[in-house]
Amino acid sequence: MVGAARQAADGAARSAFAPAALPLWGAAVAVIGLLVAFVAFGGLAPATSQPLLVPAGSEARTSLYAVTVLDAELLDEVEEQYLEAEPGETLLVVTVRLENLSDRAVGVEGTADRVASRLLSSSAPLLELSGVTATDTARSWRSDGSLRAVVLQPGVPAEVRIAWPLAEDALTEAAPHLDVYDARAQSGQVILSSSAVTWRRTELVARTPVEVGP
C-alpha cells in the first residue's frame, strides 16, 4: 500500500509539472496576483460612503431630524443672549431650520422628555463644524431671541441660531462646513433608565457649506 501511494504521488507530481499543465499554472498565478492586488488596494476594506454635499438653503435629512442652513455671520457678541466672544476670538453664528422627525420632543442642548438628542453640547454632536476648529462648545437659541432652552416638538420646524466661538483668523484660510450626522435612538439598559432615550451618532450623511454674509 505504501508503494502504491508513493507511485500515485509521483504520478500526480509529474502530471502537475508536465508541459500540458503549464497554462493551468499560469492561470493560477494570474488569479493569485489579481487577488493580492485587490487586497493591497483595499478591496476587503469596509465600504465608506461619502457625505452628500447639500447647498445652503437646501434641507439635509436624516432618520431622526432634518436641518437647513439659512445664513451665517460673524459677531463679537449677541447681546440678548448675554454671549460675548473672548479676546482673540469671534462668534460664528449660523441660523438653521431644524425639524424633529421622531415621535418625542427633544432639546437641541441637554435633555427633554427623557430624550438626549446630542445635536450639540456633546463629545460626538450630530451637528458639527468642519474645516475650522471651535474653541468651545456651541450655544443655541431660537431666532426670536428667547432665553429658554430650545425644545423641538415632533414635526414642528423651528428656526434656531447656533454660535460657535472661533479664533479671529480661523476663516482667513479655511471654509467652514456644517457636518450632519445620522443617529439611532437607543433606550436605557437598566430599570431606572429604561425609559430614557439617547440619540447616538452614526455615519456622516451630509455636509453643507457655511457661507458668511457681508
N, C-alpha and C. Protein backbone atom coordinates (compact mmCIF):
# COMPACT_ATOMS: atom_id res chain seq x y z
N MET A 1 0.82 -1.20 0.00
CA MET A 1 0.00 0.00 0.00
C MET A 1 0.86 1.26 0.00
N VAL A 2 1.96 1.19 0.76
CA VAL A 2 2.85 2.35 0.79
C VAL A 2 3.44 2.61 -0.57
N GLY A 3 3.82 1.53 -1.27
CA GLY A 3 4.40 1.68 -2.59
C GLY A 3 3.39 2.25 -3.58
N ALA A 4 2.17 1.77 -3.47
CA ALA A 4 1.12 2.27 -4.38
C ALA A 4 0.87 3.75 -4.15
N ALA A 5 0.86 4.14 -2.87
CA ALA A 5 0.63 5.55 -2.56
C ALA A 5 1.76 6.40 -3.09
N ARG A 6 3.01 5.87 -2.96
CA ARG A 6 4.15 6.64 -3.46
C ARG A 6 4.08 6.80 -4.97
N GLN A 7 3.70 5.70 -5.66
CA GLN A 7 3.58 5.78 -7.12
C GLN A 7 2.50 6.78 -7.53
N ALA A 8 1.38 6.79 -6.80
CA ALA A 8 0.30 7.74 -7.12
C ALA A 8 0.76 9.17 -6.93
N ALA A 9 1.53 9.41 -5.85
CA ALA A 9 2.02 10.76 -5.60
C ALA A 9 3.00 11.19 -6.67
N ASP A 10 3.89 10.24 -7.07
CA ASP A 10 4.85 10.57 -8.12
C ASP A 10 4.14 10.89 -9.42
N GLY A 11 3.08 10.13 -9.73
CA GLY A 11 2.33 10.36 -10.95
C GLY A 11 1.65 11.72 -10.92
N ALA A 12 1.09 12.07 -9.77
CA ALA A 12 0.42 13.37 -9.65
C ALA A 12 1.41 14.51 -9.82
N ALA A 13 2.62 14.33 -9.25
CA ALA A 13 3.64 15.38 -9.36
C ALA A 13 4.08 15.54 -10.80
N ARG A 14 4.26 14.41 -11.52
CA ARG A 14 4.68 14.50 -12.92
C ARG A 14 3.60 15.18 -13.76
N SER A 15 2.34 14.85 -13.45
CA SER A 15 1.24 15.47 -14.20
C SER A 15 1.17 16.97 -13.95
N ALA A 16 1.41 17.36 -12.68
CA ALA A 16 1.32 18.78 -12.32
C ALA A 16 2.38 19.61 -13.02
N PHE A 17 3.56 18.99 -13.23
CA PHE A 17 4.66 19.76 -13.82
C PHE A 17 4.88 19.42 -15.29
N ALA A 18 3.95 18.70 -15.87
CA ALA A 18 4.06 18.37 -17.29
C ALA A 18 3.84 19.62 -18.13
N PRO A 19 4.40 19.69 -19.33
CA PRO A 19 4.21 20.87 -20.19
C PRO A 19 2.74 21.21 -20.43
N ALA A 20 1.90 20.16 -20.50
CA ALA A 20 0.48 20.42 -20.76
C ALA A 20 -0.19 21.18 -19.62
N ALA A 21 0.40 21.08 -18.41
CA ALA A 21 -0.19 21.76 -17.25
C ALA A 21 0.27 23.19 -17.09
N LEU A 22 1.24 23.63 -17.88
CA LEU A 22 1.77 24.98 -17.73
C LEU A 22 0.71 26.07 -17.91
N PRO A 23 -0.20 25.97 -18.88
CA PRO A 23 -1.25 27.01 -18.97
C PRO A 23 -2.09 27.12 -17.71
N LEU A 24 -2.36 25.96 -17.08
CA LEU A 24 -3.15 25.99 -15.84
C LEU A 24 -2.39 26.71 -14.74
N TRP A 25 -1.09 26.44 -14.63
CA TRP A 25 -0.27 27.12 -13.63
C TRP A 25 -0.23 28.63 -13.89
N GLY A 26 -0.11 29.00 -15.16
CA GLY A 26 -0.09 30.42 -15.49
C GLY A 26 -1.38 31.11 -15.10
N ALA A 27 -2.50 30.42 -15.37
CA ALA A 27 -3.79 30.99 -15.00
C ALA A 27 -3.91 31.14 -13.49
N ALA A 28 -3.42 30.12 -12.76
CA ALA A 28 -3.50 30.17 -11.30
C ALA A 28 -2.67 31.32 -10.74
N VAL A 29 -1.45 31.48 -11.30
CA VAL A 29 -0.59 32.58 -10.85
C VAL A 29 -1.24 33.93 -11.14
N ALA A 30 -1.88 34.06 -12.29
CA ALA A 30 -2.54 35.32 -12.64
C ALA A 30 -3.68 35.63 -11.68
N VAL A 31 -4.46 34.59 -11.35
CA VAL A 31 -5.58 34.79 -10.42
C VAL A 31 -5.07 35.21 -9.05
N ILE A 32 -4.00 34.54 -8.57
CA ILE A 32 -3.43 34.89 -7.27
C ILE A 32 -2.91 36.33 -7.28
N GLY A 33 -2.27 36.72 -8.39
CA GLY A 33 -1.78 38.09 -8.49
C GLY A 33 -2.90 39.11 -8.42
N LEU A 34 -4.02 38.81 -9.09
CA LEU A 34 -5.16 39.72 -9.04
C LEU A 34 -5.74 39.81 -7.64
N LEU A 35 -5.80 38.68 -6.94
CA LEU A 35 -6.32 38.70 -5.58
C LEU A 35 -5.42 39.50 -4.65
N VAL A 36 -4.11 39.34 -4.80
CA VAL A 36 -3.17 40.09 -3.97
C VAL A 36 -3.32 41.59 -4.22
N ALA A 37 -3.44 41.99 -5.49
CA ALA A 37 -3.61 43.40 -5.80
C ALA A 37 -4.93 43.93 -5.26
N PHE A 38 -5.98 43.13 -5.35
CA PHE A 38 -7.30 43.54 -4.84
C PHE A 38 -7.25 43.83 -3.36
N VAL A 39 -6.59 42.93 -2.59
CA VAL A 39 -6.47 43.13 -1.15
C VAL A 39 -5.57 44.32 -0.83
N ALA A 40 -4.45 44.43 -1.57
CA ALA A 40 -3.49 45.51 -1.30
C ALA A 40 -4.10 46.88 -1.49
N PHE A 41 -5.01 47.00 -2.42
CA PHE A 41 -5.62 48.31 -2.68
C PHE A 41 -6.95 48.49 -1.94
N GLY A 42 -7.13 47.70 -0.87
CA GLY A 42 -8.29 47.91 0.00
C GLY A 42 -9.55 47.22 -0.46
N GLY A 43 -9.42 46.18 -1.28
CA GLY A 43 -10.60 45.51 -1.78
C GLY A 43 -11.45 44.86 -0.70
N LEU A 44 -10.81 44.48 0.41
CA LEU A 44 -11.56 43.85 1.50
C LEU A 44 -11.88 44.83 2.61
N ALA A 45 -11.51 46.10 2.47
CA ALA A 45 -11.82 47.10 3.50
C ALA A 45 -13.30 47.42 3.48
N PRO A 46 -13.87 47.80 4.65
CA PRO A 46 -15.29 48.16 4.68
C PRO A 46 -15.58 49.34 3.77
N ALA A 47 -16.70 49.29 3.09
CA ALA A 47 -17.08 50.38 2.19
C ALA A 47 -17.37 51.65 3.00
N THR A 48 -16.88 52.77 2.51
CA THR A 48 -17.13 54.05 3.18
C THR A 48 -17.92 54.94 2.24
N SER A 49 -19.05 55.42 2.69
CA SER A 49 -19.89 56.28 1.87
C SER A 49 -19.50 57.73 2.08
N GLN A 50 -19.52 58.48 0.99
CA GLN A 50 -19.19 59.89 1.06
C GLN A 50 -20.45 60.68 1.45
N PRO A 51 -20.29 61.73 2.27
CA PRO A 51 -21.46 62.52 2.64
C PRO A 51 -22.02 63.26 1.44
N LEU A 52 -23.32 63.45 1.44
CA LEU A 52 -23.99 64.20 0.40
C LEU A 52 -23.68 65.69 0.57
N LEU A 53 -23.25 66.34 -0.49
CA LEU A 53 -22.98 67.78 -0.43
C LEU A 53 -24.29 68.53 -0.66
N VAL A 54 -24.76 69.20 0.37
CA VAL A 54 -26.06 69.88 0.33
C VAL A 54 -25.82 71.39 0.32
N PRO A 55 -26.28 72.11 -0.68
CA PRO A 55 -26.05 73.57 -0.70
C PRO A 55 -26.83 74.27 0.40
N ALA A 56 -26.34 75.43 0.81
CA ALA A 56 -27.06 76.23 1.79
C ALA A 56 -28.45 76.56 1.26
N GLY A 57 -29.43 76.49 2.14
CA GLY A 57 -30.81 76.72 1.74
C GLY A 57 -31.57 75.46 1.41
N SER A 58 -30.86 74.35 1.26
CA SER A 58 -31.50 73.06 0.99
C SER A 58 -31.47 72.19 2.24
N GLU A 59 -32.43 71.32 2.34
CA GLU A 59 -32.58 70.50 3.54
C GLU A 59 -31.70 69.26 3.50
N ALA A 60 -31.02 68.99 4.61
CA ALA A 60 -30.31 67.74 4.82
C ALA A 60 -31.16 66.91 5.79
N ARG A 61 -31.54 65.72 5.36
CA ARG A 61 -32.49 64.93 6.13
C ARG A 61 -31.84 63.65 6.64
N THR A 62 -32.06 63.35 7.90
CA THR A 62 -31.58 62.11 8.50
C THR A 62 -32.80 61.32 8.97
N SER A 63 -32.56 60.20 9.65
CA SER A 63 -33.67 59.37 10.10
C SER A 63 -34.41 59.97 11.29
N LEU A 64 -33.77 60.90 12.03
CA LEU A 64 -34.40 61.44 13.24
C LEU A 64 -34.64 62.94 13.18
N TYR A 65 -33.97 63.65 12.30
CA TYR A 65 -34.15 65.10 12.24
C TYR A 65 -33.75 65.61 10.85
N ALA A 66 -34.13 66.84 10.57
CA ALA A 66 -33.75 67.50 9.32
C ALA A 66 -33.21 68.88 9.66
N VAL A 67 -32.24 69.34 8.86
CA VAL A 67 -31.63 70.64 9.12
C VAL A 67 -31.38 71.35 7.79
N THR A 68 -31.61 72.66 7.79
CA THR A 68 -31.33 73.51 6.64
C THR A 68 -30.53 74.72 7.10
N VAL A 69 -29.38 74.95 6.49
CA VAL A 69 -28.58 76.13 6.81
C VAL A 69 -29.16 77.32 6.05
N LEU A 70 -29.54 78.36 6.79
CA LEU A 70 -30.18 79.53 6.19
C LEU A 70 -29.18 80.67 5.94
N ASP A 71 -28.39 81.03 6.95
CA ASP A 71 -27.36 82.06 6.77
C ASP A 71 -26.36 81.99 7.90
N ALA A 72 -25.33 82.79 7.81
CA ALA A 72 -24.28 82.80 8.84
C ALA A 72 -23.64 84.18 8.89
N GLU A 73 -23.14 84.54 10.06
CA GLU A 73 -22.46 85.83 10.23
C GLU A 73 -21.45 85.72 11.36
N LEU A 74 -20.51 86.65 11.34
CA LEU A 74 -19.51 86.75 12.40
C LEU A 74 -19.88 87.91 13.32
N LEU A 75 -19.89 87.65 14.62
CA LEU A 75 -20.27 88.67 15.59
C LEU A 75 -19.28 88.67 16.75
N ASP A 76 -19.16 89.82 17.38
CA ASP A 76 -18.36 89.91 18.60
C ASP A 76 -19.19 89.56 19.83
N GLU A 77 -20.49 89.80 19.74
CA GLU A 77 -21.37 89.49 20.86
C GLU A 77 -22.81 89.33 20.38
N VAL A 78 -23.58 88.63 21.18
CA VAL A 78 -25.03 88.52 20.97
C VAL A 78 -25.65 89.04 22.26
N GLU A 79 -25.99 90.30 22.23
CA GLU A 79 -26.36 90.99 23.46
C GLU A 79 -27.55 90.37 24.16
N GLU A 80 -28.59 90.00 23.40
CA GLU A 80 -29.80 89.49 24.04
C GLU A 80 -29.61 88.11 24.67
N GLN A 81 -28.51 87.43 24.29
CA GLN A 81 -28.21 86.13 24.89
C GLN A 81 -27.07 86.21 25.91
N TYR A 82 -26.62 87.43 26.18
CA TYR A 82 -25.51 87.64 27.12
C TYR A 82 -24.30 86.79 26.71
N LEU A 83 -24.05 86.78 25.42
CA LEU A 83 -22.97 85.97 24.86
C LEU A 83 -21.95 86.89 24.22
N GLU A 84 -20.70 86.74 24.60
CA GLU A 84 -19.64 87.62 24.10
C GLU A 84 -18.40 86.80 23.80
N ALA A 85 -17.76 87.12 22.68
CA ALA A 85 -16.54 86.43 22.31
C ALA A 85 -15.40 86.81 23.25
N GLU A 86 -14.53 85.87 23.52
CA GLU A 86 -13.34 86.13 24.31
C GLU A 86 -12.33 86.92 23.48
N PRO A 87 -11.38 87.60 24.13
CA PRO A 87 -10.35 88.31 23.38
C PRO A 87 -9.63 87.37 22.41
N GLY A 88 -9.44 87.82 21.19
CA GLY A 88 -8.79 87.00 20.17
C GLY A 88 -9.72 86.01 19.49
N GLU A 89 -11.01 86.07 19.83
CA GLU A 89 -11.97 85.15 19.24
C GLU A 89 -13.13 85.92 18.59
N THR A 90 -13.92 85.19 17.82
CA THR A 90 -15.14 85.72 17.23
C THR A 90 -16.21 84.65 17.33
N LEU A 91 -17.45 85.04 17.10
CA LEU A 91 -18.56 84.08 17.15
C LEU A 91 -19.08 83.85 15.73
N LEU A 92 -19.06 82.61 15.31
CA LEU A 92 -19.69 82.23 14.05
C LEU A 92 -21.13 81.83 14.39
N VAL A 93 -22.07 82.67 13.99
CA VAL A 93 -23.49 82.44 14.33
C VAL A 93 -24.20 81.96 13.06
N VAL A 94 -24.69 80.74 13.12
CA VAL A 94 -25.34 80.11 11.97
C VAL A 94 -26.83 79.95 12.27
N THR A 95 -27.65 80.43 11.37
CA THR A 95 -29.10 80.27 11.51
C THR A 95 -29.54 79.05 10.71
N VAL A 96 -30.23 78.13 11.37
CA VAL A 96 -30.67 76.90 10.73
C VAL A 96 -32.17 76.70 10.99
N ARG A 97 -32.77 75.92 10.13
CA ARG A 97 -34.14 75.45 10.39
C ARG A 97 -34.03 73.97 10.76
N LEU A 98 -34.52 73.65 11.94
CA LEU A 98 -34.45 72.28 12.45
C LEU A 98 -35.85 71.69 12.55
N GLU A 99 -35.96 70.42 12.19
CA GLU A 99 -37.23 69.72 12.35
C GLU A 99 -36.97 68.37 13.01
N ASN A 100 -37.72 68.10 14.06
CA ASN A 100 -37.64 66.85 14.79
C ASN A 100 -38.53 65.82 14.08
N LEU A 101 -37.92 64.76 13.55
CA LEU A 101 -38.67 63.74 12.81
C LEU A 101 -39.05 62.55 13.67
N SER A 102 -38.70 62.58 14.96
CA SER A 102 -39.06 61.49 15.85
C SER A 102 -40.45 61.74 16.42
N ASP A 103 -40.91 60.86 17.31
CA ASP A 103 -42.25 61.00 17.89
C ASP A 103 -42.24 61.55 19.31
N ARG A 104 -41.07 62.07 19.76
CA ARG A 104 -40.97 62.65 21.09
C ARG A 104 -40.22 63.97 21.02
N ALA A 105 -40.59 64.89 21.91
CA ALA A 105 -39.90 66.18 21.94
C ALA A 105 -38.43 65.98 22.32
N VAL A 106 -37.56 66.81 21.73
CA VAL A 106 -36.13 66.73 22.04
C VAL A 106 -35.59 68.13 22.24
N GLY A 107 -34.55 68.25 23.05
CA GLY A 107 -33.86 69.52 23.23
C GLY A 107 -32.66 69.59 22.32
N VAL A 108 -32.39 70.79 21.78
CA VAL A 108 -31.18 70.96 20.97
C VAL A 108 -29.94 70.80 21.84
N GLU A 109 -30.01 71.31 23.05
CA GLU A 109 -28.97 71.08 24.05
C GLU A 109 -29.64 70.43 25.27
N GLY A 110 -28.94 69.54 25.91
CA GLY A 110 -29.50 68.92 27.10
C GLY A 110 -30.56 67.88 26.77
N THR A 111 -31.39 67.58 27.77
CA THR A 111 -32.39 66.52 27.66
C THR A 111 -33.79 67.10 27.80
N ALA A 112 -34.71 66.60 26.98
CA ALA A 112 -36.12 66.99 27.08
C ALA A 112 -36.96 65.73 26.92
N ASP A 113 -37.98 65.58 27.76
CA ASP A 113 -38.87 64.43 27.69
C ASP A 113 -38.07 63.12 27.77
N ARG A 114 -37.00 63.14 28.59
CA ARG A 114 -36.12 61.99 28.80
C ARG A 114 -35.43 61.53 27.52
N VAL A 115 -35.27 62.46 26.58
CA VAL A 115 -34.54 62.16 25.35
C VAL A 115 -33.33 63.07 25.27
N ALA A 116 -32.16 62.50 25.11
CA ALA A 116 -30.92 63.26 24.90
C ALA A 116 -30.58 63.19 23.42
N SER A 117 -30.83 64.30 22.70
CA SER A 117 -30.63 64.27 21.25
C SER A 117 -29.17 64.35 20.84
N ARG A 118 -28.35 65.01 21.66
CA ARG A 118 -26.93 65.21 21.35
C ARG A 118 -26.73 65.95 20.03
N LEU A 119 -27.69 66.81 19.67
CA LEU A 119 -27.48 67.64 18.48
C LEU A 119 -26.28 68.55 18.67
N LEU A 120 -26.14 69.09 19.88
CA LEU A 120 -25.00 69.94 20.25
C LEU A 120 -24.54 69.54 21.65
N SER A 121 -23.51 70.20 22.13
CA SER A 121 -23.03 70.02 23.51
C SER A 121 -22.79 68.56 23.85
N SER A 122 -22.02 67.91 23.02
CA SER A 122 -21.68 66.50 23.23
C SER A 122 -20.27 66.27 22.70
N SER A 123 -19.64 65.22 23.18
CA SER A 123 -18.32 64.87 22.64
C SER A 123 -18.44 64.36 21.20
N ALA A 124 -19.64 63.93 20.81
CA ALA A 124 -19.90 63.50 19.44
C ALA A 124 -21.23 64.08 18.98
N PRO A 125 -21.29 65.41 18.75
CA PRO A 125 -22.55 66.05 18.37
C PRO A 125 -23.01 65.63 16.98
N LEU A 126 -24.31 65.70 16.76
CA LEU A 126 -24.85 65.37 15.45
C LEU A 126 -24.63 66.51 14.45
N LEU A 127 -24.54 67.74 14.95
CA LEU A 127 -24.24 68.91 14.13
C LEU A 127 -22.87 69.43 14.53
N GLU A 128 -21.94 69.40 13.59
CA GLU A 128 -20.55 69.72 13.94
C GLU A 128 -19.90 70.52 12.82
N LEU A 129 -19.12 71.53 13.20
CA LEU A 129 -18.37 72.29 12.20
C LEU A 129 -17.18 71.48 11.70
N SER A 130 -16.90 71.59 10.42
CA SER A 130 -15.67 71.02 9.86
C SER A 130 -14.97 72.10 9.06
N GLY A 131 -13.68 71.94 8.87
CA GLY A 131 -12.89 72.95 8.16
C GLY A 131 -12.29 73.98 9.09
N VAL A 132 -12.91 74.20 10.24
CA VAL A 132 -12.40 75.10 11.27
C VAL A 132 -12.60 74.41 12.61
N THR A 133 -11.89 74.89 13.61
CA THR A 133 -11.97 74.29 14.94
C THR A 133 -12.57 75.28 15.93
N ALA A 134 -13.69 74.90 16.51
CA ALA A 134 -14.30 75.74 17.54
C ALA A 134 -13.46 75.71 18.80
N THR A 135 -13.39 76.84 19.49
CA THR A 135 -12.59 76.92 20.71
C THR A 135 -13.37 76.52 21.95
N ASP A 136 -14.68 76.36 21.81
CA ASP A 136 -15.52 75.97 22.94
C ASP A 136 -16.80 75.35 22.39
N THR A 137 -17.67 74.89 23.29
CA THR A 137 -18.91 74.27 22.86
C THR A 137 -19.86 75.31 22.26
N ALA A 138 -20.77 74.84 21.44
CA ALA A 138 -21.73 75.73 20.78
C ALA A 138 -22.86 76.10 21.72
N ARG A 139 -23.47 77.25 21.46
CA ARG A 139 -24.66 77.71 22.16
C ARG A 139 -25.78 77.87 21.16
N SER A 140 -27.03 77.62 21.59
CA SER A 140 -28.16 77.73 20.67
C SER A 140 -29.32 78.47 21.33
N TRP A 141 -30.13 79.11 20.50
CA TRP A 141 -31.33 79.78 20.96
C TRP A 141 -32.26 79.97 19.76
N ARG A 142 -33.53 80.20 20.04
CA ARG A 142 -34.48 80.46 18.96
C ARG A 142 -34.20 81.82 18.34
N SER A 143 -34.49 81.94 17.07
CA SER A 143 -34.19 83.19 16.36
C SER A 143 -35.07 84.34 16.85
N ASP A 144 -36.12 84.04 17.62
CA ASP A 144 -36.92 85.14 18.17
C ASP A 144 -36.26 85.78 19.39
N GLY A 145 -35.09 85.25 19.78
CA GLY A 145 -34.32 85.85 20.87
C GLY A 145 -34.68 85.36 22.25
N SER A 146 -35.60 84.40 22.39
CA SER A 146 -35.98 83.92 23.71
C SER A 146 -34.80 83.25 24.40
N LEU A 147 -34.77 83.34 25.72
CA LEU A 147 -33.67 82.80 26.50
C LEU A 147 -33.89 81.35 26.92
N ARG A 148 -35.10 80.85 26.77
CA ARG A 148 -35.36 79.48 27.21
C ARG A 148 -34.66 78.49 26.29
N ALA A 149 -34.41 77.29 26.83
CA ALA A 149 -33.75 76.24 26.05
C ALA A 149 -34.63 75.85 24.86
N VAL A 150 -33.98 75.54 23.75
CA VAL A 150 -34.72 75.19 22.54
C VAL A 150 -35.19 73.74 22.62
N VAL A 151 -36.51 73.54 22.55
CA VAL A 151 -37.10 72.21 22.52
C VAL A 151 -37.84 72.07 21.20
N LEU A 152 -37.55 70.99 20.49
CA LEU A 152 -38.16 70.74 19.19
C LEU A 152 -39.30 69.74 19.36
N GLN A 153 -40.51 70.18 19.03
CA GLN A 153 -41.66 69.29 19.07
C GLN A 153 -41.69 68.45 17.78
N PRO A 154 -42.22 67.24 17.85
CA PRO A 154 -42.26 66.40 16.65
C PRO A 154 -42.99 67.07 15.49
N GLY A 155 -42.33 67.11 14.34
CA GLY A 155 -42.96 67.62 13.13
C GLY A 155 -43.16 69.11 13.07
N VAL A 156 -42.57 69.87 13.98
CA VAL A 156 -42.74 71.33 14.00
C VAL A 156 -41.39 71.99 13.73
N PRO A 157 -41.14 72.49 12.52
CA PRO A 157 -39.85 73.14 12.23
C PRO A 157 -39.66 74.38 13.10
N ALA A 158 -38.40 74.62 13.47
CA ALA A 158 -38.07 75.79 14.28
C ALA A 158 -36.80 76.43 13.72
N GLU A 159 -36.79 77.76 13.73
CA GLU A 159 -35.60 78.50 13.29
C GLU A 159 -34.72 78.73 14.51
N VAL A 160 -33.51 78.23 14.44
CA VAL A 160 -32.59 78.22 15.58
C VAL A 160 -31.27 78.87 15.17
N ARG A 161 -30.68 79.63 16.08
CA ARG A 161 -29.35 80.20 15.85
C ARG A 161 -28.35 79.45 16.72
N ILE A 162 -27.23 79.11 16.11
CA ILE A 162 -26.18 78.37 16.81
C ILE A 162 -24.89 79.17 16.70
N ALA A 163 -24.24 79.39 17.84
CA ALA A 163 -22.99 80.17 17.87
C ALA A 163 -21.83 79.27 18.26
N TRP A 164 -20.81 79.27 17.40
CA TRP A 164 -19.56 78.58 17.71
C TRP A 164 -18.46 79.62 17.90
N PRO A 165 -17.74 79.63 19.01
CA PRO A 165 -16.60 80.54 19.14
C PRO A 165 -15.40 80.02 18.35
N LEU A 166 -14.77 80.94 17.61
CA LEU A 166 -13.61 80.59 16.78
C LEU A 166 -12.49 81.59 17.04
N ALA A 167 -11.28 81.20 16.70
CA ALA A 167 -10.18 82.16 16.68
C ALA A 167 -10.48 83.22 15.62
N GLU A 168 -10.07 84.45 15.87
CA GLU A 168 -10.40 85.57 14.96
C GLU A 168 -9.97 85.32 13.53
N ASP A 169 -8.84 84.64 13.34
CA ASP A 169 -8.33 84.42 11.98
C ASP A 169 -8.69 83.04 11.45
N ALA A 170 -9.64 82.36 12.07
CA ALA A 170 -9.95 80.98 11.68
C ALA A 170 -10.47 80.88 10.25
N LEU A 171 -11.16 81.92 9.78
CA LEU A 171 -11.79 81.84 8.46
C LEU A 171 -10.95 82.47 7.35
N THR A 172 -9.74 82.92 7.66
CA THR A 172 -8.93 83.57 6.63
C THR A 172 -8.43 82.56 5.59
N GLU A 173 -8.21 81.32 6.01
CA GLU A 173 -7.68 80.33 5.07
C GLU A 173 -8.55 79.09 4.98
N ALA A 174 -9.66 79.05 5.69
CA ALA A 174 -10.50 77.85 5.70
C ALA A 174 -11.95 78.22 5.45
N ALA A 175 -12.67 77.31 4.83
CA ALA A 175 -14.10 77.49 4.57
C ALA A 175 -14.87 76.51 5.44
N PRO A 176 -15.67 77.00 6.37
CA PRO A 176 -16.36 76.07 7.28
C PRO A 176 -17.53 75.37 6.59
N HIS A 177 -17.83 74.19 7.08
CA HIS A 177 -18.99 73.42 6.65
C HIS A 177 -19.72 72.92 7.89
N LEU A 178 -20.98 72.66 7.73
CA LEU A 178 -21.74 72.01 8.79
C LEU A 178 -21.88 70.54 8.44
N ASP A 179 -21.31 69.69 9.27
CA ASP A 179 -21.42 68.25 9.08
C ASP A 179 -22.67 67.75 9.79
N VAL A 180 -23.45 66.95 9.08
CA VAL A 180 -24.72 66.44 9.58
C VAL A 180 -24.61 64.92 9.72
N TYR A 181 -24.74 64.44 10.95
CA TYR A 181 -24.62 63.02 11.23
C TYR A 181 -25.99 62.39 11.47
N ASP A 182 -26.15 61.18 10.99
CA ASP A 182 -27.34 60.41 11.31
C ASP A 182 -27.19 59.87 12.73
N ALA A 183 -28.27 59.32 13.26
CA ALA A 183 -28.23 58.79 14.62
C ALA A 183 -29.26 57.68 14.76
N ARG A 184 -29.07 56.87 15.78
CA ARG A 184 -30.09 55.88 16.13
C ARG A 184 -30.53 56.14 17.56
N ALA A 185 -31.80 55.96 17.82
CA ALA A 185 -32.35 56.17 19.15
C ALA A 185 -32.15 54.90 19.97
N GLN A 186 -31.41 55.03 21.07
CA GLN A 186 -31.10 53.87 21.90
C GLN A 186 -31.69 54.07 23.28
N SER A 187 -32.47 53.08 23.74
CA SER A 187 -33.10 53.15 25.06
C SER A 187 -32.12 52.73 26.14
N GLY A 188 -32.42 53.13 27.39
CA GLY A 188 -31.60 52.75 28.52
C GLY A 188 -31.62 51.25 28.74
N GLN A 189 -30.61 50.75 29.44
CA GLN A 189 -30.47 49.32 29.62
C GLN A 189 -30.76 48.85 31.04
N VAL A 190 -31.06 49.74 31.94
CA VAL A 190 -31.34 49.34 33.32
C VAL A 190 -32.72 49.84 33.71
N ILE A 191 -33.25 49.30 34.80
CA ILE A 191 -34.64 49.58 35.18
C ILE A 191 -34.89 51.07 35.37
N LEU A 192 -34.01 51.76 36.11
CA LEU A 192 -34.26 53.16 36.43
C LEU A 192 -34.18 54.06 35.22
N SER A 193 -33.47 53.64 34.17
CA SER A 193 -33.32 54.50 32.99
C SER A 193 -33.87 53.84 31.74
N SER A 194 -34.71 52.82 31.88
CA SER A 194 -35.19 52.09 30.71
C SER A 194 -36.05 52.95 29.80
N SER A 195 -36.64 54.02 30.34
CA SER A 195 -37.48 54.89 29.52
C SER A 195 -36.68 56.04 28.92
N ALA A 196 -35.42 56.18 29.29
CA ALA A 196 -34.58 57.25 28.72
C ALA A 196 -34.06 56.83 27.36
N VAL A 197 -33.96 57.81 26.47
CA VAL A 197 -33.52 57.55 25.10
C VAL A 197 -32.37 58.48 24.77
N THR A 198 -31.37 57.95 24.11
CA THR A 198 -30.23 58.74 23.65
C THR A 198 -30.06 58.57 22.15
N TRP A 199 -29.93 59.71 21.46
CA TRP A 199 -29.62 59.65 20.03
C TRP A 199 -28.10 59.48 19.90
N ARG A 200 -27.68 58.34 19.41
CA ARG A 200 -26.26 58.05 19.28
C ARG A 200 -25.81 58.23 17.83
N ARG A 201 -24.75 59.01 17.67
CA ARG A 201 -24.25 59.36 16.34
C ARG A 201 -23.79 58.12 15.57
N THR A 202 -24.15 58.08 14.29
CA THR A 202 -23.68 57.01 13.42
C THR A 202 -22.85 57.62 12.29
N GLU A 203 -23.29 57.47 11.03
CA GLU A 203 -22.45 57.91 9.93
C GLU A 203 -22.72 59.37 9.53
N LEU A 204 -21.71 59.97 8.91
CA LEU A 204 -21.83 61.32 8.36
C LEU A 204 -22.62 61.22 7.06
N VAL A 205 -23.77 61.90 7.00
CA VAL A 205 -24.64 61.75 5.83
C VAL A 205 -24.66 62.97 4.93
N ALA A 206 -24.36 64.15 5.46
CA ALA A 206 -24.45 65.36 4.64
C ALA A 206 -23.46 66.41 5.13
N ARG A 207 -23.09 67.28 4.21
CA ARG A 207 -22.18 68.39 4.52
C ARG A 207 -22.65 69.62 3.76
N THR A 208 -22.85 70.73 4.49
CA THR A 208 -23.36 71.96 3.91
C THR A 208 -22.36 73.09 4.11
N PRO A 209 -22.00 73.84 3.07
CA PRO A 209 -21.10 74.98 3.26
C PRO A 209 -21.74 76.07 4.09
N VAL A 210 -20.96 76.67 4.96
CA VAL A 210 -21.43 77.78 5.79
C VAL A 210 -20.82 79.05 5.22
N GLU A 211 -21.62 79.80 4.50
CA GLU A 211 -21.13 81.00 3.82
C GLU A 211 -21.47 82.22 4.66
N VAL A 212 -20.44 82.89 5.13
CA VAL A 212 -20.62 84.04 5.98
C VAL A 212 -21.00 85.25 5.15
N GLY A 213 -22.12 85.89 5.50
CA GLY A 213 -22.58 87.03 4.75
C GLY A 213 -21.73 88.27 5.02
N PRO A 214 -21.87 89.31 4.18
CA PRO A 214 -21.07 90.54 4.35
C PRO A 214 -21.44 91.27 5.63
